[in-house]
Structures are given as C-alpha cells and as structure tokens.
Protein backbone atom coordinates (compact mmCIF):
# COMPACT_ATOMS: atom_id res chain seq x y z
CA MET A 1 15.49 8.60 -23.12
CA GLU A 2 12.28 9.04 -20.97
CA LYS A 3 9.26 9.19 -23.10
CA GLY A 4 5.47 10.34 -21.52
CA ILE A 5 4.45 12.75 -19.86
CA VAL A 6 7.62 15.03 -18.88
CA GLY A 7 8.90 14.74 -22.39
CA GLN A 8 12.63 14.86 -23.66
CA LEU A 9 14.64 16.17 -20.46
CA THR A 10 17.96 17.96 -20.86
CA VAL A 11 19.22 18.20 -17.00
CA SER A 12 22.74 18.25 -15.86
CA ARG A 13 24.67 15.31 -13.73
CA GLY A 14 25.58 18.10 -10.94
CA ARG A 15 21.53 18.78 -9.84
CA LEU A 16 22.27 16.90 -6.63
CA GLY A 17 25.08 18.67 -5.52
CA LEU A 18 25.91 17.88 -2.00
CA GLY A 19 26.52 14.19 -3.69
CA TRP A 20 26.75 10.42 -2.77
CA LEU A 21 26.49 11.02 1.33
CA SER A 22 24.06 13.70 1.59
CA PHE A 23 21.84 12.20 -0.20
CA SER A 24 22.18 9.11 1.48
CA PHE A 25 22.15 11.01 4.90
CA ASP A 26 18.58 11.94 3.77
CA THR A 27 17.75 9.16 2.59
CA LEU A 28 17.84 7.00 5.75
CA ARG A 29 16.61 10.32 7.82
CA GLN A 30 12.91 10.20 5.77
CA GLY A 31 13.23 6.64 5.85
CA GLY A 32 13.26 6.63 9.87
CA TRP A 33 10.57 8.91 9.74
CA MET A 34 8.62 7.09 7.88
CA LEU A 35 9.09 3.93 9.46
CA ILE A 36 8.03 5.77 12.77
CA ALA A 37 4.44 7.43 10.67
CA THR A 38 3.96 4.07 9.56
CA VAL A 39 4.48 1.92 13.22
CA VAL A 40 2.32 5.06 14.89
CA SER A 41 0.06 5.05 12.61
CA GLY A 42 -0.65 1.38 12.11
CA GLY A 43 -0.71 1.30 15.67
CA LEU A 44 -3.46 4.05 16.20
CA ASN A 45 -5.52 2.33 13.55
CA TYR A 46 -5.16 -1.29 15.41
CA LEU A 47 -6.69 0.76 18.21
CA ALA A 48 -9.37 2.55 17.04
CA ASN A 49 -10.51 -0.94 16.11
CA ALA A 50 -9.55 -2.23 19.44
CA ALA A 51 -11.59 0.58 21.14
CA VAL A 52 -14.56 0.42 19.29
CA GLY A 53 -14.66 -3.59 19.69
CA ARG A 54 -14.54 -3.49 23.33
CA MET A 55 -17.39 -0.44 23.11
CA LEU A 56 -19.76 -1.97 20.75
CA LEU A 57 -22.01 -5.68 21.47
CA PRO A 58 -20.88 -8.53 19.03
CA THR A 59 -23.33 -8.00 16.69
CA ASP A 60 -22.60 -4.05 16.19
CA TYR A 61 -19.01 -4.45 15.92
CA SER A 62 -19.94 -6.87 12.88
CA VAL A 63 -21.39 -4.64 10.90
CA TYR A 64 -18.44 -2.36 11.48
CA THR A 65 -15.79 -4.94 10.89
CA SER A 66 -17.99 -5.51 7.49
CA MET A 67 -18.44 -2.09 6.60
CA LEU A 68 -14.32 -1.61 7.48
CA SER A 69 -13.72 -4.28 4.74
CA LEU A 70 -15.56 -3.21 2.22
CA THR A 71 -13.54 -0.18 2.65
CA LEU A 72 -10.09 -2.36 2.72
CA MET A 73 -10.89 -3.53 -0.93
CA LEU A 74 -10.65 -0.52 -1.90
CA GLY A 75 -6.63 -0.38 -0.63
CA ALA A 76 -5.29 -1.83 -4.15
CA VAL A 77 -7.06 0.77 -5.51
CA THR A 78 -6.26 3.70 -4.02
CA SER A 79 -2.76 2.25 -4.18
CA VAL A 80 -2.65 2.69 -7.85
CA VAL A 81 -3.88 6.05 -8.00
CA GLN A 82 -1.46 7.03 -5.57
CA THR A 83 1.54 5.01 -7.67
CA VAL A 84 0.79 7.02 -10.63
CA THR A 85 0.88 10.32 -9.26
CA THR A 86 3.98 9.69 -7.46
CA ASN A 87 5.61 8.95 -10.53
CA TYR A 88 4.47 11.76 -12.39
CA VAL A 89 4.77 14.41 -9.91
CA ALA A 90 8.41 13.39 -9.44
CA ARG A 91 8.92 13.44 -12.89
CA LEU A 92 7.94 17.10 -13.17
CA ARG A 93 9.61 18.03 -10.14
CA ALA A 94 13.19 16.79 -11.39
CA ALA A 95 12.35 18.23 -15.05
CA ASP A 96 12.08 21.64 -13.13
CA GLN A 97 8.28 22.25 -14.00
CA MET A 98 6.59 22.65 -10.39
CA LYS A 99 3.71 24.72 -12.15
CA ASP A 100 2.42 21.87 -14.07
CA VAL A 101 2.47 19.60 -10.64
CA GLY A 102 -0.52 22.02 -9.63
CA ALA A 103 -2.11 21.08 -13.22
CA LEU A 104 -1.69 17.42 -13.00
CA LEU A 105 -2.98 17.19 -9.72
CA LEU A 106 -5.92 18.54 -10.40
CA TYR A 107 -6.81 17.59 -13.65
CA LEU A 108 -6.34 13.91 -11.78
CA LEU A 109 -8.89 14.88 -9.31
CA LYS A 110 -11.48 16.49 -12.01
CA ARG A 111 -11.20 12.93 -13.45
CA LEU A 112 -11.54 10.73 -10.51
CA LEU A 113 -13.95 12.80 -8.39
CA PRO A 114 -16.90 11.71 -10.80
CA TRP A 115 -15.99 8.20 -10.11
CA GLY A 116 -16.16 9.16 -6.58
CA MET A 117 -19.81 10.19 -6.98
CA PHE A 118 -20.76 7.51 -9.11
CA GLY A 119 -19.75 4.82 -6.82
CA MET A 120 -21.12 6.84 -3.43
CA THR A 121 -24.66 7.26 -5.49
CA LEU A 122 -24.58 3.31 -6.43
CA LEU A 123 -24.18 2.39 -2.53
CA TRP A 124 -26.65 4.40 -1.52
CA LEU A 125 -29.29 2.60 -4.30
CA LEU A 126 -27.41 -0.78 -3.35
CA GLY A 127 -28.16 -0.32 0.04
CA ARG A 128 -31.28 -2.04 0.83
CA PRO A 129 -29.84 -5.60 -0.76
CA LEU A 130 -26.40 -5.20 1.00
CA VAL A 131 -28.48 -5.40 4.39
CA MET A 132 -30.04 -8.62 3.37
CA LEU A 133 -26.28 -9.90 1.76
CA LEU A 134 -24.51 -8.76 4.93
CA ARG A 135 -27.34 -9.59 7.45
CA LEU A 136 -27.25 -5.70 8.44
CA PRO A 137 -30.16 -3.96 11.06
CA SER A 138 -30.88 -1.35 8.46
CA ALA A 139 -29.14 0.48 5.83
CA VAL A 140 -27.55 3.28 7.53
CA PRO A 141 -24.32 1.32 7.67
CA VAL A 142 -24.29 1.58 4.11
CA TRP A 143 -25.10 4.93 3.04
CA VAL A 144 -22.62 6.19 6.05
CA MET A 145 -19.81 3.79 4.59
CA ALA A 146 -21.02 5.10 1.14
CA MET A 147 -19.85 8.51 2.02
CA VAL A 148 -15.84 6.90 1.93
CA LEU A 149 -15.54 6.57 -1.36
CA VAL A 150 -15.15 10.08 -2.51
CA PRO A 151 -12.30 11.20 0.00
CA THR A 152 -10.72 7.79 -0.99
CA ILE A 153 -10.63 8.61 -4.52
CA THR A 154 -8.95 11.91 -4.31
CA LEU A 155 -6.90 11.26 -1.32
CA PRO A 156 -4.39 9.16 -2.92
CA VAL A 157 -3.72 12.09 -5.51
CA LEU A 158 -3.27 14.46 -2.71
CA GLN A 159 -1.05 11.67 -0.72
CA GLY A 160 1.12 10.72 -4.13
CA GLY A 161 1.50 14.57 -4.85
CA LEU A 162 3.44 15.14 -1.22
CA ARG A 163 5.82 11.92 -2.06
CA GLY A 164 6.20 13.32 -5.39
CA LEU A 165 7.45 16.31 -4.48
CA GLU A 166 9.03 14.04 -1.59
CA ARG A 167 7.74 15.85 0.99
CA PHE A 168 7.76 12.87 3.59
CA GLY A 169 7.06 14.82 6.69
CA ALA A 170 3.72 15.60 5.53
CA PHE A 171 3.08 12.92 4.26
CA GLY A 172 3.67 11.02 7.74
CA ILE A 173 1.94 13.52 9.65
CA ASN A 174 -1.03 12.88 7.21
CA ALA A 175 -1.06 9.11 8.02
CA ILE A 176 -1.21 9.46 11.91
CA GLY A 177 -3.65 12.17 11.84
CA GLN A 178 -6.06 10.32 9.22
CA ALA A 179 -5.55 7.54 11.85
CA SER A 180 -5.89 9.56 14.87
CA LEU A 181 -8.75 11.12 13.75
CA ARG A 182 -10.41 7.43 13.13
CA LEU A 183 -9.78 6.59 16.95
CA THR A 184 -11.16 9.57 17.93
CA ILE A 185 -14.19 10.14 16.17
CA GLY A 186 -15.16 6.74 16.36
CA VAL A 187 -15.14 6.62 20.28
CA GLY A 188 -16.77 10.09 20.20
CA LEU A 189 -19.47 9.07 18.22
CA ILE A 190 -20.34 5.53 20.14
CA LEU A 191 -19.95 7.63 23.34
CA ALA A 192 -22.54 9.96 21.78
CA GLY A 193 -24.80 7.09 21.05
CA TRP A 194 -24.77 6.63 17.61
CA GLY A 195 -23.20 3.09 17.75
CA ALA A 196 -22.13 0.50 14.93
CA ALA A 197 -23.40 3.85 12.25
CA GLY A 198 -21.09 6.01 14.42
CA ALA A 199 -17.79 3.78 14.28
CA VAL A 200 -18.80 3.16 10.59
CA ALA A 201 -18.87 7.09 10.41
CA SER A 202 -15.18 7.45 11.78
CA LEU A 203 -14.31 5.90 8.35
CA PRO A 204 -14.97 8.84 5.88
CA LEU A 205 -14.52 11.70 8.02
CA SER A 206 -11.10 10.72 9.24
CA GLN A 207 -10.17 10.31 4.97
CA LEU A 208 -11.84 14.03 4.76
CA GLY A 209 -9.63 15.39 7.61
CA ALA A 210 -6.71 13.92 6.07
CA VAL A 211 -7.88 15.13 2.45
CA VAL A 212 -8.63 18.85 3.93
CA LEU A 213 -4.29 18.10 5.41
CA ALA A 214 -3.23 17.45 2.62
CA SER A 215 -4.82 20.34 0.86
CA VAL A 216 -3.59 23.23 3.50
CA TRP A 217 -0.12 21.62 2.40
CA LEU A 218 -0.18 21.31 -1.13
CA ALA A 219 -2.24 24.64 -1.64
CA THR A 220 0.50 26.65 -2.65
CA VAL A 221 1.25 23.68 -5.72
CA LEU A 222 -2.60 23.90 -6.59
CA ARG A 223 -2.68 27.93 -6.46
CA SER A 224 0.46 28.70 -8.80
CA ARG A 225 -0.18 25.67 -11.25
CA ASN A 226 0.35 25.94 -15.20
CA ARG A 227 -3.25 26.96 -16.55
CA ALA A 228 -2.20 25.82 -20.42
CA PHE A 229 -0.41 22.86 -19.09
CA ARG A 230 -2.42 18.75 -20.35
CA PRO A 231 -1.10 15.85 -19.31
CA ASP A 232 -0.73 12.71 -21.87
CA LEU A 233 -3.96 11.00 -20.95
CA SER A 234 -2.54 7.96 -22.96
CA ASP A 235 0.52 8.01 -21.27
CA ILE A 236 -0.89 7.87 -17.75
CA LEU A 237 -3.41 5.40 -18.69
CA ARG A 238 -0.84 3.48 -20.19
CA TYR A 239 1.57 3.41 -16.70
CA THR A 240 -1.54 2.84 -14.84
CA SER A 241 -2.71 -0.62 -16.66
CA TYR A 242 1.22 -2.09 -16.07
CA ALA A 243 1.21 -0.41 -12.03
CA ALA A 244 -2.20 -1.94 -11.45
CA VAL A 245 -1.49 -5.14 -12.95
CA GLY A 246 1.99 -5.12 -10.77
CA LEU A 247 0.05 -3.85 -7.45
CA PHE A 248 -2.68 -6.49 -8.04
CA ALA A 249 -0.62 -9.26 -8.44
CA PHE A 250 1.72 -8.46 -5.69
CA THR A 251 -1.92 -7.78 -3.04
CA ALA A 252 -2.68 -11.53 -4.53
CA LEU A 253 0.47 -13.06 -3.84
CA VAL A 254 0.57 -12.27 -0.19
CA ASN A 255 -2.62 -12.83 0.71
CA MET A 256 -4.05 -15.46 -1.89
CA ASP A 257 -2.46 -18.69 0.67
CA VAL A 258 -4.77 -17.46 4.04
CA VAL A 259 -7.93 -17.94 1.45
CA ILE A 260 -7.09 -21.08 -0.36
CA VAL A 261 -6.10 -22.68 3.42
CA LYS A 262 -9.82 -21.16 4.31
CA SER A 263 -11.26 -22.94 1.58
CA ARG A 264 -9.43 -26.85 1.66
CA PHE A 265 -8.45 -26.87 5.28
CA THR A 266 -10.42 -27.64 8.58
CA PRO A 267 -12.04 -24.44 10.09
CA GLU A 268 -9.21 -25.62 13.09
CA GLU A 269 -6.48 -25.48 10.93
CA ALA A 270 -7.32 -22.38 8.71
CA GLY A 271 -7.72 -20.58 12.12
CA LEU A 272 -4.61 -21.66 13.99
CA TYR A 273 -2.99 -21.18 10.39
CA SER A 274 -4.15 -17.32 9.65
CA ALA A 275 -2.54 -16.74 13.16
CA ILE A 276 0.52 -17.66 11.69
CA SER A 277 0.17 -15.53 8.83
CA THR A 278 -1.25 -12.20 10.70
CA ILE A 279 2.38 -11.87 13.29
CA GLY A 280 4.17 -13.13 9.93
CA LYS A 281 3.12 -10.22 7.93
CA ILE A 282 4.82 -7.75 10.62
CA THR A 283 7.50 -8.56 8.48
CA LEU A 284 5.84 -7.52 5.35
CA TYR A 285 4.50 -4.17 6.75
CA LEU A 286 7.58 -3.04 8.85
CA PRO A 287 9.57 -1.76 5.58
CA LEU A 288 6.80 -0.46 3.63
CA ALA A 289 8.40 3.06 4.49
CA ALA A 290 11.33 2.05 2.00
CA ALA A 291 8.88 1.36 -0.71
CA THR A 292 7.18 4.56 -0.33
CA LEU A 293 11.18 6.79 -0.49
CA LEU A 294 12.47 4.70 -3.16
CA LEU A 295 9.42 5.29 -5.98
CA PRO A 296 10.01 9.12 -6.39
CA LYS A 297 13.59 9.52 -5.45
CA VAL A 298 14.18 7.14 -8.34
CA ALA A 299 12.07 8.34 -10.83
CA VAL A 300 13.88 11.67 -9.99
CA LEU A 301 17.02 10.38 -10.62
CA ASN A 302 16.23 8.44 -14.12
CA THR A 303 14.40 11.34 -15.20
CA GLN A 304 17.73 13.45 -14.43
CA HIS A 305 20.00 10.36 -16.72
CA GLU A 306 21.51 9.65 -13.10
CA ARG A 307 22.02 6.04 -12.13
CA THR A 308 20.00 4.78 -9.84
CA VAL A 309 20.70 1.15 -9.32
CA HIS A 310 23.09 2.00 -6.23
CA LEU A 311 19.70 3.36 -4.62
CA LEU A 312 17.96 0.00 -5.27
CA HIS A 313 20.82 -1.93 -3.75
CA ARG A 314 21.06 0.42 -0.65
CA THR A 315 17.19 -0.20 0.00
CA LEU A 316 17.71 -3.96 -0.72
CA TRP A 317 19.94 -3.87 1.91
CA ILE A 318 18.63 -2.12 4.12
CA VAL A 319 15.17 -4.09 4.09
CA GLY A 320 16.75 -7.31 3.87
CA GLY A 321 18.36 -6.30 7.13
CA LEU A 322 15.47 -5.29 8.84
CA CYS A 323 13.22 -8.19 7.37
CA GLY A 324 16.40 -10.50 9.02
CA MET A 325 16.37 -9.84 12.17
CA VAL A 326 12.71 -9.86 12.42
CA THR A 327 12.09 -13.09 10.59
CA LEU A 328 15.75 -14.72 13.07
CA ALA A 329 13.19 -13.46 15.81
CA PHE A 330 10.50 -15.96 14.45
CA PHE A 331 12.73 -18.22 14.42
CA LEU A 332 14.45 -18.58 17.80
CA PHE A 333 11.41 -17.47 19.18
CA PRO A 334 7.84 -18.99 17.89
CA SER A 335 6.00 -20.65 20.65
CA LEU A 336 6.96 -17.49 23.12
CA ILE A 337 5.52 -14.81 20.11
CA VAL A 338 2.29 -16.85 19.03
CA GLN A 339 1.41 -17.76 22.85
CA LEU A 340 2.25 -13.62 23.83
CA LEU A 341 -0.03 -12.81 20.76
CA PHE A 342 -2.61 -15.12 20.24
CA GLY A 343 -2.07 -17.33 23.73
CA ALA A 344 -1.50 -21.27 24.46
CA GLY A 345 -4.34 -22.39 21.75
CA TYR A 346 -2.11 -21.64 18.79
CA LEU A 347 0.84 -23.18 19.44
CA THR A 348 0.31 -26.41 17.18
CA TRP A 349 1.62 -25.02 14.23
CA ALA A 350 4.19 -22.73 15.60
CA SER A 351 6.93 -24.54 13.91
CA LEU A 352 6.04 -22.38 10.93
CA LEU A 353 6.67 -18.66 12.04
CA GLY A 354 10.05 -18.78 11.19
CA PRO A 355 9.52 -20.07 7.76
CA TYR A 356 6.11 -17.93 7.33
CA GLY A 357 7.94 -14.41 7.98
CA LEU A 358 11.12 -15.71 5.62
CA ILE A 359 8.21 -15.75 3.21
CA MET A 360 7.35 -12.57 4.00
CA ALA A 361 10.68 -11.08 3.89
CA LEU A 362 11.36 -12.42 0.73
CA TYR A 363 7.98 -10.75 -0.87
CA SER A 364 9.29 -7.55 1.31
CA LEU A 365 12.50 -7.91 -1.12
CA CYS A 366 9.76 -8.52 -4.57
CA ASN A 367 7.80 -5.00 -3.47
CA ILE A 368 11.39 -3.10 -3.48
CA TRP A 369 11.53 -4.91 -7.25
CA LEU A 370 7.88 -3.79 -8.11
CA SER A 371 9.13 -0.16 -6.77
CA TYR A 372 12.06 0.18 -8.60
CA TYR A 373 10.70 -1.09 -11.95
CA LEU A 374 7.50 1.45 -11.71
CA ALA A 375 9.67 4.18 -10.91
CA LEU A 376 11.67 3.20 -14.26
CA GLU A 377 8.59 2.94 -15.97
CA ASP A 378 9.59 -0.91 -16.62
CA ARG A 379 6.83 -3.01 -17.38
CA ARG A 380 8.66 -6.29 -16.79
CA TYR A 381 8.27 -6.87 -13.51
CA SER A 382 4.62 -5.92 -13.13
CA TYR A 383 3.60 -8.79 -15.67
CA VAL A 384 6.48 -11.79 -13.70
CA LEU A 385 4.26 -10.82 -10.01
CA LEU A 386 0.85 -11.47 -12.42
CA CYS A 387 2.56 -14.74 -13.98
CA GLY A 388 3.76 -15.88 -10.67
CA ALA A 389 0.42 -15.20 -8.96
CA ILE A 390 -1.61 -16.92 -11.16
CA LEU A 391 1.35 -20.23 -10.95
CA GLN A 392 0.89 -19.95 -7.59
CA ALA A 393 -2.78 -19.91 -7.18
CA VAL A 394 -2.62 -22.59 -9.16
CA THR A 395 -0.63 -25.00 -7.54
CA LEU A 396 -2.03 -24.00 -4.03
CA SER A 397 -5.42 -24.57 -5.26
CA THR A 398 -4.69 -28.04 -7.34
CA LEU A 399 -2.50 -29.94 -5.05
CA SER A 400 -3.15 -31.65 -1.89
CA LEU A 401 -0.46 -29.96 -0.01
CA SER A 402 0.15 -29.96 3.49
CA LEU A 403 0.62 -26.79 5.59
CA PRO A 404 4.28 -27.03 5.54
CA GLN A 405 4.41 -27.61 1.83
CA ILE A 406 1.94 -24.93 1.63
CA VAL A 407 4.74 -23.11 3.14
CA THR A 408 7.59 -24.23 1.09
CA VAL A 409 5.79 -23.13 -2.07
CA LEU A 410 5.17 -19.92 -1.22
CA ILE A 411 9.09 -19.59 -0.33
CA GLY A 412 9.89 -21.00 -3.48
CA SER A 413 7.92 -18.49 -5.26
CA GLY A 414 9.55 -15.37 -3.39
CA VAL A 415 12.87 -16.72 -4.12
CA VAL A 416 12.34 -17.09 -7.73
CA LEU A 417 10.71 -13.69 -8.34
CA ASN A 418 13.47 -12.35 -6.76
CA LEU A 419 16.14 -13.47 -8.91
CA LEU A 420 13.82 -12.54 -11.79
CA GLY A 421 14.21 -8.88 -10.25
CA ALA A 422 18.01 -9.13 -10.44
CA TRP A 423 17.92 -10.68 -13.71
CA PHE A 424 16.38 -8.30 -15.26
CA LEU A 425 18.92 -5.81 -14.22
CA ARG A 426 21.28 -7.19 -16.66
CA LEU A 427 18.76 -6.89 -19.71
CA PRO A 428 17.79 -3.92 -21.74
CA ARG A 429 14.19 -2.96 -21.20
CA SER A 430 12.73 -3.29 -24.87
CA GLU A 431 11.96 0.66 -25.58
CA ASP A 432 15.70 0.97 -24.78
CA ARG A 433 17.00 -1.66 -27.52
C-alpha cells in the first residue's frame, strides 16, 4: 500500500480509460516534444555561451564562465527539488486531490524562499573574498550572480509542478523560453555596454523570466488551493534524503572520470580525454526527455495501484535504441566526428569515442532505473548508485590505469549498475514484506 503525503488510496483500475495503446501514443507524443525542447533549449544555451564569448574579451569571458560554473554547481540541488515536487504533485493528482497541489507548491515555495534569500545575502557578503579567490576585476559580477539564487531555488518547484501535472507542453516551452531570454538578455546588455556584468546578469534575469512564465501557467492551480492542507514534512524530508543520494551519486558517476584524469594525467592527455568526454556525453543528454516523462507517469500509475513495469520496459527500449544509434555512429566514424567538432589536434584518442559513447549509453539506462525507483518511492537503487560512485572513485584514483583501462572500468561499472537495477525488479521492497 502507498504511504506518505497522499495517504491510503482506493482508486479503480479503470482510471486510464483509453487503454494501453492510447497511453503509449500520448507518451511517445510527449516524449517527442520533450526531445525537441531539450535539443532546442540546449542549443540556445550553447549559442548564448558562444555569442558572449565572441563579444567579450578573454579576460571578461573568464569572469562570465566562472560565475556560470558556480550556478551550474547548484544544478544537482535544483534537480532534487524538482524531482521531489514532481513525485508528490503526480501522486496528489492521481488521488484526485488537485486542490492540494496548489497548497503543496506554495508550502514548498515558502519553505525554500528564505534559503534562497539567505544564500543571496551570504554571497553578497563574500563578494570581496571571492574576488581575490577567483581573481576577478571587481565584486560586481559576484553581486549580480548572487541574485540567481532566489529564482534558482523557486523555479524547480514550479517546473516540478508542471512536470507532475504532466503539462509537458508548458514544461518544454518554459525551458526554451529561459534559454531564449538568456541569449537575448546577455547579448543586449553587452551591446548596451555592461560587459561581463551584463553577461552574468542574463543568468538571474532569464531564470526570473522562467519563474514568471511558470507561475502564469500554474496560476489557476495556485489560486484554487486547499488552505487547510498540511503536507507531511517528515515524509517529504525522508523522500528528499534518498532522492538526493541517488541524484548526487548519478552526477558523480558521470563526471568524476574527467576530474580524476585531469589530476593524474598530463594536461595534454587530460585535454584530449575531455574532448572525447564532451562528445560522448551527447549519448547521455539526448534521452533526458524520457526520464523527465517516466517519473510522473510511473508515480501516477503506482498511486492508482496499476502495473508500471510495462512503461519501464518501453522506456528502456526507446532509450537503448536512441543511445545505440548514436553510439554506433561513434564506433563507425570516431575520427570524422572528433575532427569536425574539435579539430585534427584531438585525434590521438579518437578510438575511445565509441567505448565512451557506450559508457554514457549505459549510464542513460541507469538514469531510467533511478527515475523508475524514485517514482515507486523505493530507496534501494539510490544507495546502489552511491556505492557504485564510491567504488568507482576509489578504483580510478588509486590504481595506475591507462586511459583505455579507465574507459573499461567505466563500462564495467555501467553494466553492473544496470544488472542490479533489473535484479531489484525481482525482489520485494522492504516496506512490502
């Protein structure tokens, strides 16, 4: 039986109505749109970085990239907030408790907003020390970047609301809108003479625009909230704890190799490996749309006591097929791809592109397993990923491995983690025993 914020539910099995084929068609349609939105927003963000780089001097561009790196470090935190919000909104919707959705969103916003304000104030106070640490010309970029913390902590709640309600059209437009604002505001402020500070200002302003846009889409839900609703904070914190473990562990698994290679190999070898990693991660980012869809849909089905494994299997096949096609291209044309994207100077380790694409394909499937188990409120796979991240870090940092051997270790890690994900399907959860 389901526990937690939604409580005991008795929902009939006829809720889906249109049946398996209709549900599958809707999922494919939504997945196609989310894939387009992911590619378009990612392309616009890349274009924003490139445009700012062409318009600024190298010294000013380094200021922008350093501030951008600090905001990207918050990405893991925001992904946890969005995942938690998505799960509980989906379960409330499945239980026909729509008026509680608005109350939950406002509850989370009120609890998180003070933390955003605290972080912004702290960064303002640390402006001068960060100037010396990052060798910045002034504290202005830090003070401007500090403003990103308020929309950064609130936006994932609103996006999680859209995702949990399966308003994927609005969710995708929101991502594209944010990327578009970042590009236009950054270019506009630089042309207006604001330089690096203007480029940095595009980060909080674009997020603020996305907050406003998401709030408009959720206005009806927020207005019609159940004012008497009080969520179970202990249940939310419990779910947040192992969701954070899984998401942070997954982030470490797919990024630690670049850091370790940079610390243990020559700068030239590290640079060549970083290029292979950058290209190979295309295999990781393309299927993100599938994970975006899977969690709320499985949460709804599980809340209604419906079977969920068929949706998991279809998602694994789709992601595996998409990743397989990209990885096959990496195996067949590694030198051509590396030369086109990075130039002839990076061809030394082009032979690693195919295997590295396979690594990211395996980790893409791990992301699907993680999304599935989080939707079931099953903590086991989160701790498996944590153990995997620790073992991988110890192996890569203590053994004297060549670059091909590091790639082999990563492939083995991906295979084992996927096998464990499949194995857990055959085992009852501890709360079900």
